[in-house]
Amino acid sequence: MNLNLSALAVRERAVTLFFIVLLSLAGVYAFVKLGRAEDPSFTIKTLTVTTVWPGATAREMQDLVAEPLEKRIQELAWYDRVETTTRPGFAYLTVTLKDNTPPSAVAEEFYQARKKLGDEARNLPQGVLGPFVNDEYSDVSFGLYALKAQGMPMRDLVREAEKIRQDMLHVPGVKKINILGEQPEQIFVEFSYEKLATLGISPQDIAAALQRRNTVTPAGSIDTQGPQVFIRLDGAYDSVQSIADTPIVASGRALKLSDIAEVRRGYQEPAGYVIRHDGEPAIMLGVVMQQGWNGLELGKALEERSSQIAQSLPLGITLTKVSDQAVNIDAAVGEFMVKFAMALGVVLFVSLIALGWRVGIVVALAVPLTLAVVFIIMLETGRFFDRITLGALILALGLLVDDAIIAIE
């Protein structure tokens, strides 16, 4: 006996009506709960490894640093290839996983890569810095905020940016916040080679003296009836003046470092990159959204929190929103809703005139019911609204109307 679903649906009207209402409610719930983003999420299956060894040749970087790291990387389960670039004192590895690597396995592979590289770092020659691993290329800023204060030192502005970062991390849906445009502080020791040669001192002697002085040495502990007290010999630098007072032995007599060199605090030269907003130096805070989160909800939450933070900032410091994906997401979702309403209205109008009111209602109901099922499936499979899915839904509206009319005929 052949099962005729159409005849069964007509015969069991109460059950059919129940499922229609159930699908409609479930579709509305899924539409509200679906995540929203400007662009679809994508998994980058590439990580980079950087190592530095001052004074080494390109051949030494290849044979003693890059090659051992390559061998450990090749132990990964989803390893595809590694491309290495070496030059004197520097090695750069680009590791790529196989194209068929499941997105759910990429994070575990990157973790295993970090662990293997960390184990191999113990076997690298003394003086090698790294390896430094970067596997966060897929993080895209959801919103950018400019923090600026005319005349304020960079170190104070960075301190305020850190406070704002800690505050905004508590907003639901925020994965992390990057501080962009920060210029690292450095201590500069500037000297004259001619003066050093006159005193019989080399730059290496100054570096060795600074290294010997800037140490923390354990000196044992004292057992008491209460807590155990640990003792240490603290020679670590805590100010620019303490660096300037470092003793340097020259020609049998002790001199201060400040006697033969200028010691000053400054910023990295040249700067990695400089950010300006409205013609003024600024620091950017880039907010990264958690995958699958509703971008409209995050945009509203960030708007409220940033307004509260801006009002509580000290006089002269301003926090300005530069970009917000929530605006683009709202426009894209709004465009889909407008096109959906227009398509539904045109279909209903034409169907009522050409086919009669009963057929017109059937055609008009077929479109939202089908989309309700689509929304439910999207929610269960982890999909969310973005430019690609919304564009596909808009294109599918025409097919849905044609299918409904063909089924009726």
Protein backbone atom coordinates (compact mmCIF):
# COMPACT_ATOMS: atom_id res chain seq x y z
CA MET A 1 0.00 0.00 0.00
CA ASN A 2 1.43 3.38 -1.02
CA LEU A 3 1.58 6.07 1.65
CA ASN A 4 0.03 9.33 0.42
CA LEU A 5 1.21 12.06 2.78
CA SER A 6 -1.01 14.70 1.17
CA ALA A 7 -4.13 12.56 1.63
CA LEU A 8 -3.10 11.73 5.18
CA ALA A 9 -2.58 15.42 6.00
CA VAL A 10 -6.03 16.31 4.63
CA ARG A 11 -7.69 13.44 6.46
CA GLU A 12 -6.01 14.17 9.81
CA ARG A 13 -6.57 17.92 9.87
CA ALA A 14 -6.13 18.32 13.62
CA VAL A 15 -2.74 16.61 13.58
CA THR A 16 -1.70 18.62 10.52
CA LEU A 17 -2.71 21.89 12.17
CA PHE A 18 -0.82 20.90 15.32
CA PHE A 19 2.39 20.27 13.37
CA ILE A 20 1.98 23.53 11.44
CA VAL A 21 1.67 25.50 14.68
CA LEU A 22 4.54 23.54 16.26
CA LEU A 23 6.85 24.15 13.29
CA SER A 24 5.91 27.83 13.23
CA LEU A 25 6.71 28.32 16.93
CA ALA A 26 9.93 26.30 16.67
CA GLY A 27 10.95 28.30 13.60
CA VAL A 28 10.35 31.62 15.38
CA TYR A 29 12.37 30.39 18.37
CA ALA A 30 15.22 29.26 16.09
CA PHE A 31 15.16 32.59 14.21
CA VAL A 32 15.55 34.50 17.48
CA LYS A 33 18.27 32.21 18.85
CA LEU A 34 20.36 31.89 15.70
CA GLY A 35 23.74 33.59 15.90
CA ARG A 36 24.35 36.59 13.67
CA ALA A 37 27.63 37.70 12.14
CA GLU A 38 28.75 39.81 9.21
CA ASP A 39 30.81 37.03 7.60
CA PRO A 40 30.75 33.24 7.99
CA SER A 41 33.23 31.65 10.36
CA PHE A 42 36.20 29.93 8.77
CA THR A 43 38.98 27.75 10.11
CA ILE A 44 42.54 28.64 9.15
CA LYS A 45 44.64 25.49 9.23
CA THR A 46 47.98 27.29 9.36
CA LEU A 47 50.29 28.30 12.19
CA THR A 48 53.62 30.10 12.14
CA VAL A 49 56.72 29.51 14.25
CA THR A 50 59.39 32.16 14.80
CA THR A 51 62.82 31.64 16.38
CA VAL A 52 65.66 34.11 16.92
CA TRP A 53 69.34 33.35 17.59
CA PRO A 54 71.47 36.52 17.58
CA GLY A 55 74.80 36.03 15.83
CA ALA A 56 73.93 32.76 14.07
CA THR A 57 74.38 32.30 10.34
CA ALA A 58 71.57 31.28 8.01
CA ARG A 59 73.09 27.78 7.73
CA GLU A 60 73.23 27.41 11.52
CA MET A 61 69.62 28.55 11.80
CA GLN A 62 68.63 25.90 9.25
CA ASP A 63 70.67 22.98 10.61
CA LEU A 64 70.53 23.59 14.37
CA VAL A 65 67.16 25.31 14.83
CA ALA A 66 64.73 24.93 11.93
CA GLU A 67 65.44 21.29 11.06
CA PRO A 68 64.83 19.88 14.60
CA LEU A 69 61.59 21.87 14.81
CA GLU A 70 60.47 20.60 11.40
CA LYS A 71 60.99 16.98 12.46
CA ARG A 72 58.82 17.45 15.55
CA ILE A 73 56.10 19.20 13.55
CA GLN A 74 56.02 16.30 11.07
CA GLU A 75 54.76 14.06 13.90
CA LEU A 76 51.33 15.75 13.83
CA ALA A 77 48.43 13.52 12.80
CA TRP A 78 47.05 15.97 10.20
CA TYR A 79 50.43 17.36 9.06
CA ASP A 80 50.59 18.40 5.39
CA ARG A 81 53.66 20.55 4.82
CA VAL A 82 56.02 23.10 6.38
CA GLU A 83 57.70 25.98 4.58
CA THR A 84 60.84 27.42 6.19
CA THR A 85 62.63 30.70 5.66
CA THR A 86 65.99 31.32 7.35
CA ARG A 87 68.35 34.22 7.40
CA PRO A 88 71.15 35.19 9.79
CA GLY A 89 69.77 35.03 13.32
CA PHE A 90 66.18 34.32 12.26
CA ALA A 91 64.02 31.34 11.23
CA TYR A 92 60.36 31.43 10.20
CA LEU A 93 58.28 28.27 9.74
CA THR A 94 54.79 28.13 8.20
CA VAL A 95 53.01 24.90 9.13
CA THR A 96 49.94 23.83 7.15
CA LEU A 97 47.53 21.05 8.02
CA LYS A 98 45.78 18.86 5.45
CA ASP A 99 42.80 20.34 3.63
CA ASN A 100 40.52 17.57 4.92
CA THR A 101 41.38 18.25 8.55
CA PRO A 102 38.07 18.46 10.47
CA PRO A 103 37.55 21.95 11.93
CA SER A 104 36.93 20.35 15.32
CA ALA A 105 40.42 18.77 15.22
CA VAL A 106 42.36 21.92 14.33
CA ALA A 107 42.52 23.30 17.88
CA GLU A 108 43.84 19.97 19.20
CA GLU A 109 46.45 19.80 16.43
CA PHE A 110 47.65 23.31 17.25
CA TYR A 111 47.86 22.35 20.93
CA GLN A 112 49.94 19.28 20.06
CA ALA A 113 52.19 21.44 17.88
CA ARG A 114 52.79 23.86 20.74
CA LYS A 115 53.57 20.99 23.10
CA LYS A 116 56.01 19.31 20.71
CA LEU A 117 57.77 22.60 19.96
CA GLY A 118 57.98 23.36 23.68
CA ASP A 119 59.61 19.98 24.31
CA GLU A 120 62.08 20.50 21.48
CA ALA A 121 62.98 24.01 22.71
CA ARG A 122 65.00 22.42 25.54
CA ASN A 123 67.30 20.79 22.98
CA LEU A 124 68.01 23.93 20.96
CA PRO A 125 71.41 25.66 21.28
CA GLN A 126 71.92 28.06 24.16
CA GLY A 127 70.94 31.61 23.27
CA VAL A 128 68.03 30.69 20.99
CA LEU A 129 64.91 32.74 21.68
CA GLY A 130 61.65 30.92 21.04
CA PRO A 131 60.05 29.14 19.35
CA PHE A 132 57.16 31.61 19.31
CA VAL A 133 53.92 30.15 17.90
CA ASN A 134 51.04 32.11 16.37
CA ASP A 135 47.85 30.19 15.50
CA GLU A 136 45.24 32.94 15.93
CA TYR A 137 44.96 34.21 12.36
CA SER A 138 41.21 33.52 12.19
CA ASP A 139 40.37 36.03 14.94
CA VAL A 140 38.61 39.03 13.39
CA SER A 141 37.77 42.20 15.29
CA PHE A 142 34.01 42.57 15.79
CA GLY A 143 34.38 46.15 16.97
CA LEU A 144 37.18 48.72 17.25
CA TYR A 145 37.39 51.42 19.92
CA ALA A 146 39.90 54.28 19.92
CA LEU A 147 41.36 55.44 23.24
CA LYS A 148 43.19 58.75 23.18
CA ALA A 149 44.32 61.53 25.48
CA GLN A 150 46.21 64.53 24.17
CA GLY A 151 49.55 64.96 25.90
CA MET A 152 49.32 61.80 28.03
CA PRO A 153 52.41 59.53 28.02
CA MET A 154 51.95 56.26 26.17
CA ARG A 155 52.59 54.18 29.30
CA ASP A 156 49.68 55.85 31.12
CA LEU A 157 47.39 55.45 28.10
CA VAL A 158 48.27 51.75 27.90
CA ARG A 159 47.49 51.38 31.60
CA GLU A 160 44.01 52.85 31.00
CA ALA A 161 43.56 50.56 27.99
CA GLU A 162 44.34 47.53 30.17
CA LYS A 163 41.68 48.59 32.68
CA ILE A 164 39.11 48.97 29.89
CA ARG A 165 40.13 45.61 28.46
CA GLN A 166 39.58 43.86 31.79
CA ASP A 167 36.17 45.53 32.12
CA MET A 168 34.93 44.71 28.62
CA LEU A 169 36.05 41.07 28.86
CA HIS A 170 33.09 40.51 31.21
CA VAL A 171 30.61 41.34 28.42
CA PRO A 172 28.85 38.10 27.36
CA GLY A 173 29.96 37.00 23.89
CA VAL A 174 33.45 38.56 24.02
CA LYS A 175 36.20 36.04 23.26
CA LYS A 176 39.16 38.36 23.77
CA ILE A 177 40.26 41.96 23.33
CA ASN A 178 43.48 42.96 21.56
CA ILE A 179 45.29 46.20 22.35
CA LEU A 180 46.61 47.62 19.07
CA GLY A 181 49.13 50.39 18.55
CA GLU A 182 50.95 49.95 21.86
CA GLN A 183 54.58 51.05 21.68
CA PRO A 184 56.68 48.92 24.07
CA GLU A 185 58.80 50.80 26.57
CA GLN A 186 62.55 50.24 26.48
CA ILE A 187 65.62 51.35 28.40
CA PHE A 188 68.27 52.77 26.07
CA VAL A 189 71.99 52.68 26.93
CA GLU A 190 73.79 55.02 24.51
CA PHE A 191 77.57 55.32 24.49
CA SER A 192 80.47 56.46 22.35
CA TYR A 193 82.71 53.76 20.89
CA GLU A 194 85.67 56.15 21.03
CA LYS A 195 85.18 56.73 24.75
CA LEU A 196 84.85 53.01 25.43
CA ALA A 197 88.03 52.32 23.46
CA THR A 198 89.88 54.93 25.51
CA LEU A 199 88.79 53.22 28.74
CA GLY A 200 89.48 49.74 27.39
CA ILE A 201 85.84 48.65 27.62
CA SER A 202 83.83 46.83 24.96
CA PRO A 203 80.04 46.84 24.50
CA GLN A 204 80.10 43.16 25.48
CA ASP A 205 81.60 44.12 28.86
CA ILE A 206 78.67 46.47 29.50
CA ALA A 207 76.15 43.80 28.48
CA ALA A 208 77.83 41.24 30.75
CA ALA A 209 77.83 43.66 33.70
CA LEU A 210 74.13 44.39 33.25
CA GLN A 211 73.35 40.68 33.02
CA ARG A 212 75.34 39.85 36.17
CA ARG A 213 73.63 42.60 38.13
CA ASN A 214 70.07 41.93 36.97
CA THR A 215 69.61 38.58 38.74
CA VAL A 216 67.57 37.13 41.58
CA THR A 217 69.48 34.53 43.62
CA PRO A 218 67.84 32.26 46.22
CA ALA A 219 69.61 32.37 49.61
CA GLY A 220 67.76 29.65 51.48
CA SER A 221 64.94 29.82 53.99
CA ILE A 222 64.28 30.13 57.71
CA ASP A 223 62.12 27.61 59.51
CA THR A 224 59.98 29.17 62.20
CA GLN A 225 57.07 27.99 64.26
CA GLY A 226 54.85 29.78 61.80
CA PRO A 227 55.18 30.01 58.02
CA GLN A 228 58.48 29.28 56.31
CA VAL A 229 60.38 32.46 55.38
CA PHE A 230 62.32 32.42 52.10
CA ILE A 231 65.38 34.62 51.60
CA ARG A 232 66.71 35.82 48.28
CA LEU A 233 69.44 38.17 47.06
CA ASP A 234 67.55 40.62 44.90
CA GLY A 235 69.66 42.39 42.33
CA ALA A 236 66.93 42.96 39.78
CA TYR A 237 66.61 46.45 38.37
CA ASP A 238 63.58 48.42 39.51
CA SER A 239 64.28 51.86 38.02
CA VAL A 240 66.31 53.67 35.39
CA GLN A 241 68.57 55.06 38.10
CA SER A 242 69.46 51.58 39.36
CA ILE A 243 70.60 50.71 35.83
CA ALA A 244 72.61 53.92 35.61
CA ASP A 245 74.34 53.05 38.91
CA THR A 246 75.58 49.66 37.63
CA PRO A 247 79.33 49.41 38.39
CA ILE A 248 81.65 49.01 35.40
CA VAL A 249 85.32 48.12 35.92
CA ALA A 250 87.64 50.10 33.63
CA SER A 251 91.45 50.27 33.88
CA GLY A 252 91.41 48.95 37.41
CA ARG A 253 88.86 51.39 38.77
CA ALA A 254 85.09 51.17 39.19
CA LEU A 255 82.85 53.54 37.31
CA LYS A 256 79.11 53.93 37.15
CA LEU A 257 77.42 53.13 33.88
CA SER A 258 76.11 56.71 33.82
CA ASP A 259 79.74 57.95 33.76
CA ILE A 260 80.42 56.36 30.39
CA ALA A 261 76.95 56.15 28.80
CA GLU A 262 73.57 57.84 28.74
CA VAL A 263 70.76 55.76 30.24
CA ARG A 264 67.21 56.83 29.43
CA ARG A 265 63.69 55.48 29.18
CA GLY A 266 61.94 55.59 25.83
CA TYR A 267 59.77 53.73 23.37
CA GLN A 268 60.60 51.20 20.70
CA GLU A 269 62.44 52.81 17.77
CA PRO A 270 61.29 52.62 15.09
CA ALA A 271 57.73 51.98 16.18
CA GLY A 272 56.12 48.80 14.84
CA TYR A 273 53.12 50.79 13.68
CA VAL A 274 51.43 53.98 14.82
CA ILE A 275 47.66 54.44 15.07
CA ARG A 276 46.04 57.86 14.72
CA HIS A 277 42.36 58.68 15.07
CA ASP A 278 41.07 62.05 13.90
CA GLY A 279 44.68 63.16 13.52
CA GLU A 280 45.66 62.30 17.12
CA PRO A 281 47.78 59.39 18.46
CA ALA A 282 45.53 56.65 19.81
CA ILE A 283 45.38 53.07 21.02
CA MET A 284 42.84 50.70 19.51
CA LEU A 285 40.96 48.01 21.39
CA GLY A 286 39.84 45.23 19.04
CA VAL A 287 36.95 43.11 20.36
CA VAL A 288 36.81 39.51 19.07
CA MET A 289 33.40 37.81 19.23
CA GLN A 290 32.88 34.22 20.34
CA GLN A 291 32.02 31.89 17.47
CA GLY A 292 28.28 31.42 16.92
CA TRP A 293 27.27 34.34 19.15
CA ASN A 294 24.50 36.73 18.20
CA GLY A 295 26.29 39.79 16.86
CA LEU A 296 23.28 42.06 17.40
CA GLU A 297 23.14 41.17 21.09
CA LEU A 298 26.89 41.65 21.46
CA GLY A 299 26.68 45.02 19.70
CA LYS A 300 24.02 46.25 22.13
CA ALA A 301 25.96 44.96 25.15
CA LEU A 302 29.19 46.60 23.97
CA GLU A 303 27.36 49.87 23.30
CA GLU A 304 26.02 49.95 26.86
CA ARG A 305 29.33 48.97 28.47
CA SER A 306 31.45 51.35 26.37
CA SER A 307 29.10 54.24 27.23
CA GLN A 308 29.46 53.47 30.94
CA ILE A 309 33.25 53.25 30.63
CA ALA A 310 33.48 56.51 28.64
CA GLN A 311 31.58 58.38 31.36
CA SER A 312 33.87 57.05 34.10
CA LEU A 313 37.19 57.86 32.37
CA PRO A 314 39.43 60.59 33.82
CA LEU A 315 39.14 64.07 32.38
CA GLY A 316 40.88 64.36 29.01
CA ILE A 317 40.65 60.67 28.05
CA THR A 318 38.09 59.71 25.41
CA LEU A 319 36.85 56.33 24.20
CA THR A 320 35.33 56.41 20.70
CA LYS A 321 33.72 53.64 18.69
CA VAL A 322 35.44 53.35 15.30
CA SER A 323 33.70 50.33 13.76
CA ASP A 324 30.94 47.92 14.76
CA GLN A 325 29.93 44.81 12.83
CA ALA A 326 26.51 44.92 14.52
CA VAL A 327 25.54 47.79 12.20
CA ASN A 328 26.32 45.72 9.10
CA ILE A 329 24.64 42.63 10.57
CA ASP A 330 21.49 44.60 11.35
CA ALA A 331 21.43 45.98 7.80
CA ALA A 332 21.88 42.50 6.27
CA VAL A 333 19.17 40.90 8.41
CA GLY A 334 16.87 43.86 7.75
CA GLU A 335 17.43 43.52 4.00
CA PHE A 336 16.48 39.84 4.18
CA MET A 337 13.31 40.60 6.15
CA VAL A 338 12.29 43.29 3.64
CA LYS A 339 12.87 41.00 0.66
CA PHE A 340 11.06 38.18 2.45
CA ALA A 341 8.04 40.39 3.18
CA MET A 342 8.01 41.68 -0.41
CA ALA A 343 8.23 38.18 -1.87
CA LEU A 344 5.52 36.88 0.43
CA GLY A 345 3.25 39.82 -0.36
CA VAL A 346 3.70 39.52 -4.14
CA VAL A 347 3.15 35.75 -4.04
CA LEU A 348 0.03 36.10 -1.93
CA PHE A 349 -1.37 38.87 -4.13
CA VAL A 350 -0.73 37.06 -7.42
CA SER A 351 -1.93 33.72 -6.05
CA LEU A 352 -5.17 35.20 -4.73
CA ILE A 353 -5.93 36.81 -8.10
CA ALA A 354 -4.82 33.97 -10.38
CA LEU A 355 -5.54 30.84 -8.34
CA GLY A 356 -8.17 31.82 -5.81
CA TRP A 357 -7.99 32.56 -2.12
CA ARG A 358 -7.64 28.96 -0.91
CA VAL A 359 -4.72 28.18 -3.21
CA GLY A 360 -3.19 31.57 -2.49
CA ILE A 361 -3.17 30.93 1.24
CA VAL A 362 -1.56 27.51 0.72
CA VAL A 363 1.22 29.04 -1.38
CA ALA A 364 1.70 31.89 1.07
CA LEU A 365 1.97 29.49 4.03
CA ALA A 366 4.40 27.18 2.24
CA VAL A 367 7.15 29.80 2.19
CA PRO A 368 7.33 30.69 5.94
CA LEU A 369 6.79 27.05 6.97
CA THR A 370 9.68 25.92 4.80
CA LEU A 371 11.89 28.68 6.16
CA ALA A 372 10.88 27.69 9.70
CA VAL A 373 12.20 24.18 9.05
CA VAL A 374 15.39 25.69 7.60
CA PHE A 375 15.91 27.84 10.71
CA ILE A 376 15.45 24.80 12.96
CA ILE A 377 18.02 22.80 10.98
CA MET A 378 20.45 25.75 11.01
CA LEU A 379 20.15 26.04 14.79
CA GLU A 380 20.74 22.32 15.32
CA THR A 381 23.73 22.17 12.95
CA GLY A 382 25.46 25.23 14.38
CA ARG A 383 24.88 27.53 11.42
CA PHE A 384 24.06 31.21 11.85
CA PHE A 385 23.01 34.23 9.83
CA ASP A 386 25.74 35.89 7.77
CA ARG A 387 26.15 37.32 4.29
CA ILE A 388 26.36 33.90 2.66
CA THR A 389 23.38 32.25 4.39
CA LEU A 390 21.17 35.33 4.01
CA GLY A 391 22.04 35.61 0.32
CA ALA A 392 21.24 31.92 -0.17
CA LEU A 393 17.90 32.32 1.60
CA ILE A 394 16.97 35.29 -0.58
CA LEU A 395 17.76 33.28 -3.72
CA ALA A 396 15.81 30.31 -2.38
CA LEU A 397 12.62 32.35 -1.95
CA GLY A 398 11.88 32.11 -5.67
CA LEU A 399 12.39 28.34 -5.67
CA LEU A 400 10.09 27.95 -2.68
CA VAL A 401 7.28 29.78 -4.47
CA ASP A 402 7.72 27.73 -7.66
CA ASP A 403 7.67 24.46 -5.71
CA ALA A 404 4.46 25.40 -3.91
CA ILE A 405 2.66 26.32 -7.15
CA ILE A 406 3.87 23.16 -8.92
CA ALA A 407 2.71 21.00 -6.00
CA ILE A 408 -0.78 22.57 -6.16
CA GLU A 409 -1.07 22.12 -9.91
